[in-house]
């Protein structure tokens, strides 16, 4: 049996698994909602989120930026950021500041990467999705106090699906990848926000 890889966002993938359209899904869990009663799930790893800037952004140089500096910056945010955006807003509120209104919203990591590289905007993104850009210095994870979070990477499937050889092999391969990365999804060479499989 072949395994097809798809991409999407957590809730849409979870619903597709529930309906039997997919055998399993792997995604960054952006909201702490309970999974459906017919689903089995496990946490594969924890994904770190940081404030990200292009290397030419003024805040990418020098000392760690203050919350006031972050509040005055232009932002591009994910359209499905869930609890991460809530935590981002609360970090400003804790400093007595109103959270900035994002100038741009997107569901595309590629679009966000391109905007950040132009050097004018900031964003909050999982560092594992940007590993090559961060290593090459094209993007910078800012040392912003109170603006770093982690979210679980969830593996979700229906109990009967795991009996299929292709699905079981996929699950075992995912476990091996996580073990090699030391349980830190941020260290893995990911280049997609989410993935799913159907046999």
Protein backbone atom coordinates (compact mmCIF):
# COMPACT_ATOMS: atom_id res chain seq x y z
CA UNK A 1 0.00 0.00 0.00
CA UNK A 2 1.13 3.54 -0.75
CA UNK A 3 1.07 6.34 1.79
CA UNK A 4 0.02 9.76 0.52
CA UNK A 5 1.22 12.90 2.30
CA UNK A 6 -1.07 15.91 2.58
CA UNK A 7 -0.79 19.23 4.40
CA UNK A 8 -3.35 21.29 6.27
CA UNK A 9 -4.18 22.65 9.69
CA UNK A 10 -4.82 20.79 12.90
CA UNK A 11 -8.60 20.93 13.23
CA UNK A 12 -9.24 20.17 9.56
CA UNK A 13 -6.86 17.19 9.68
CA UNK A 14 -8.37 15.90 12.92
CA UNK A 15 -11.89 16.02 11.43
CA UNK A 16 -10.65 14.21 8.30
CA UNK A 17 -9.25 11.40 10.48
CA UNK A 18 -12.56 11.19 12.38
CA UNK A 19 -14.48 10.88 9.10
CA UNK A 20 -12.15 8.15 7.85
CA UNK A 21 -10.79 10.26 5.00
CA UNK A 22 -7.30 9.98 6.52
CA UNK A 23 -5.77 7.15 8.50
CA UNK A 24 -3.59 9.40 10.64
CA UNK A 25 -2.47 12.98 11.04
CA UNK A 26 0.53 14.73 12.58
CA UNK A 27 0.18 18.39 13.44
CA UNK A 28 1.19 21.11 15.86
CA UNK A 29 -1.73 21.32 18.26
CA UNK A 30 -2.52 25.03 18.30
CA UNK A 31 -5.54 24.79 20.64
CA UNK A 32 -5.91 22.74 23.81
CA UNK A 33 -9.23 21.20 22.82
CA UNK A 34 -10.09 17.58 23.61
CA UNK A 35 -9.80 15.10 20.75
CA UNK A 36 -12.85 13.28 19.43
CA UNK A 37 -13.93 10.13 21.32
CA UNK A 38 -13.19 7.84 18.36
CA UNK A 39 -9.57 9.00 18.08
CA UNK A 40 -6.36 7.79 19.66
CA UNK A 41 -3.70 10.44 20.13
CA UNK A 42 -0.21 10.83 21.50
CA UNK A 43 2.23 13.70 21.89
CA UNK A 44 5.28 13.08 19.74
CA UNK A 45 7.28 16.11 20.86
CA UNK A 46 7.10 19.74 21.91
CA UNK A 47 7.57 22.46 19.31
CA UNK A 48 9.18 25.75 20.45
CA UNK A 49 7.68 29.04 19.25
CA UNK A 50 9.70 32.28 19.22
CA UNK A 51 9.43 35.81 17.90
CA UNK A 52 11.07 35.73 14.45
CA UNK A 53 12.56 38.62 12.47
CA UNK A 54 14.45 38.98 9.22
CA UNK A 55 18.17 39.61 9.65
CA UNK A 56 17.74 43.22 8.46
CA UNK A 57 15.00 44.06 10.97
CA UNK A 58 16.16 46.73 13.45
CA UNK A 59 15.29 44.50 16.42
CA UNK A 60 17.41 41.64 15.05
CA UNK A 61 20.54 43.54 15.98
CA UNK A 62 21.80 44.34 19.47
CA UNK A 63 20.24 43.56 22.83
CA UNK A 64 17.03 41.66 23.49
CA UNK A 65 14.05 43.85 22.54
CA UNK A 66 11.75 45.23 25.20
CA UNK A 67 8.02 44.52 25.21
CA UNK A 68 7.44 48.17 24.29
CA UNK A 69 9.63 47.76 21.22
CA UNK A 70 7.72 44.65 20.20
CA UNK A 71 4.42 46.49 20.69
CA UNK A 72 5.57 49.24 18.31
CA UNK A 73 6.63 46.80 15.59
CA UNK A 74 4.71 45.66 12.52
CA UNK A 75 3.51 42.04 12.72
CA UNK A 76 2.44 39.26 10.39
CA UNK A 77 0.53 36.51 12.21
CA UNK A 78 -0.86 33.11 11.35
CA UNK A 79 -4.57 32.91 10.61
CA UNK A 80 -4.79 29.73 12.71
CA UNK A 81 -2.41 30.55 15.58
CA UNK A 82 -4.90 29.50 18.27
CA UNK A 83 -3.57 29.49 21.82
CA UNK A 84 -0.21 30.88 20.70
CA UNK A 85 -1.83 34.14 19.62
CA UNK A 86 -3.73 34.29 22.89
CA UNK A 87 -0.47 33.85 24.82
CA UNK A 88 1.15 36.53 22.60
CA UNK A 89 -1.63 38.97 23.46
CA UNK A 90 -1.39 38.14 27.16
CA UNK A 91 2.37 38.84 27.15
CA UNK A 92 1.68 42.44 26.09
CA UNK A 93 -1.18 42.79 28.57
CA UNK A 94 1.08 41.58 31.39
CA UNK A 95 3.39 44.52 30.60
CA UNK A 96 0.47 46.95 30.63
CA UNK A 97 0.52 47.36 26.86
CA UNK A 98 -2.14 46.86 24.24
CA UNK A 99 -1.17 44.09 21.80
CA UNK A 100 -0.43 45.38 18.30
CA UNK A 101 -2.88 44.68 15.52
CA UNK A 102 -1.21 42.43 12.91
CA UNK A 103 -0.86 44.13 9.56
CA UNK A 104 -0.97 40.80 7.73
CA UNK A 105 -2.47 37.38 8.38
CA UNK A 106 -1.66 34.23 6.45
CA UNK A 107 -2.04 30.47 6.48
CA UNK A 108 1.20 30.08 4.49
CA UNK A 109 4.57 29.59 6.16
CA UNK A 110 6.25 30.35 2.81
CA UNK A 111 4.44 33.69 2.52
CA UNK A 112 5.32 34.55 6.11
CA UNK A 113 8.98 33.62 5.52
CA UNK A 114 9.11 35.92 2.49
CA UNK A 115 7.55 38.82 4.39
CA UNK A 116 9.99 38.40 7.29
CA UNK A 117 13.01 38.31 4.99
CA UNK A 118 12.10 41.77 3.70
CA UNK A 119 13.03 43.01 7.17
CA UNK A 120 10.00 45.06 8.27
CA UNK A 121 7.72 42.63 10.14
CA UNK A 122 7.90 40.28 13.09
CA UNK A 123 6.01 37.04 13.60
CA UNK A 124 5.60 34.20 16.09
CA UNK A 125 6.46 30.88 14.49
CA UNK A 126 7.67 27.38 15.42
CA UNK A 127 11.44 27.40 15.03
CA UNK A 128 11.55 23.90 13.54
CA UNK A 129 9.77 25.11 10.41
CA UNK A 130 12.49 27.70 9.88
CA UNK A 131 15.57 25.68 10.86
CA UNK A 132 17.51 26.27 7.64
CA UNK A 133 16.74 30.00 7.55
CA UNK A 134 17.75 30.41 11.19
CA UNK A 135 20.97 28.43 10.70
CA UNK A 136 21.86 30.46 7.61
CA UNK A 137 21.14 33.76 9.36
CA UNK A 138 18.37 34.80 6.97
CA UNK A 139 15.97 34.85 9.92
CA UNK A 140 16.65 35.50 13.62
CA UNK A 141 14.84 34.19 16.72
CA UNK A 142 14.72 37.19 19.05
CA UNK A 143 15.66 36.83 22.72
CA UNK A 144 12.43 38.45 23.87
CA UNK A 145 11.63 37.80 27.53
CA UNK A 146 8.16 36.32 28.01
CA UNK A 147 7.68 35.67 24.31
CA UNK A 148 8.69 32.02 23.99
CA UNK A 149 6.27 29.13 24.14
CA UNK A 150 5.97 25.44 23.28
CA UNK A 151 3.12 23.51 21.70
CA UNK A 152 2.65 19.75 21.43
CA UNK A 153 3.09 17.88 18.17
CA UNK A 154 0.18 15.45 18.10
CA UNK A 155 -0.17 12.12 16.31
CA UNK A 156 -3.84 11.23 15.85
CA UNK A 157 -5.42 8.11 14.37
CA UNK A 158 -8.42 5.81 14.63
CA UNK A 159 -7.75 2.57 16.48
CA UNK A 160 -8.71 0.41 13.51
CA UNK A 161 -6.39 2.33 11.18
CA UNK A 162 -3.27 1.28 13.06
CA UNK A 163 -3.86 -2.31 11.93
CA UNK A 164 -3.06 -1.41 8.32
CA UNK A 165 0.61 -2.24 7.54
CA UNK A 166 1.29 1.07 5.77
CA UNK A 167 -0.14 3.08 8.67
CA UNK A 168 1.75 1.08 11.29
CA UNK A 169 4.98 1.52 9.33
CA UNK A 170 4.36 5.27 9.11
CA UNK A 171 3.77 5.53 12.86
CA UNK A 172 6.97 3.60 13.60
CA UNK A 173 8.93 5.82 11.20
CA UNK A 174 7.58 8.93 12.95
CA UNK A 175 8.68 7.54 16.31
CA UNK A 176 12.19 6.94 14.95
CA UNK A 177 12.42 10.50 13.61
CA UNK A 178 11.39 11.92 16.99
CA UNK A 179 13.87 9.68 18.82
CA UNK A 180 16.71 10.82 16.55
CA UNK A 181 15.75 14.44 17.21
CA UNK A 182 15.88 13.80 20.95
CA UNK A 183 12.17 14.35 21.41
CA UNK A 184 12.45 17.97 20.28
CA UNK A 185 10.42 18.63 17.16
CA UNK A 186 12.11 21.98 16.81
CA UNK A 187 15.36 20.19 16.00
CA UNK A 188 13.85 18.17 13.17
CA UNK A 189 14.26 19.23 9.55
CA UNK A 190 10.58 20.02 9.01
CA UNK A 191 9.50 22.23 6.11
CA UNK A 192 5.74 21.91 6.35
CA UNK A 193 3.44 23.08 9.13
CA UNK A 194 1.47 19.86 9.25
CA UNK A 195 1.29 16.46 7.60
CA UNK A 196 -1.22 13.69 7.19
CA UNK A 197 -1.31 10.27 5.64
CA UNK A 198 -3.82 8.08 3.93
CA UNK A 199 -3.16 4.60 2.68
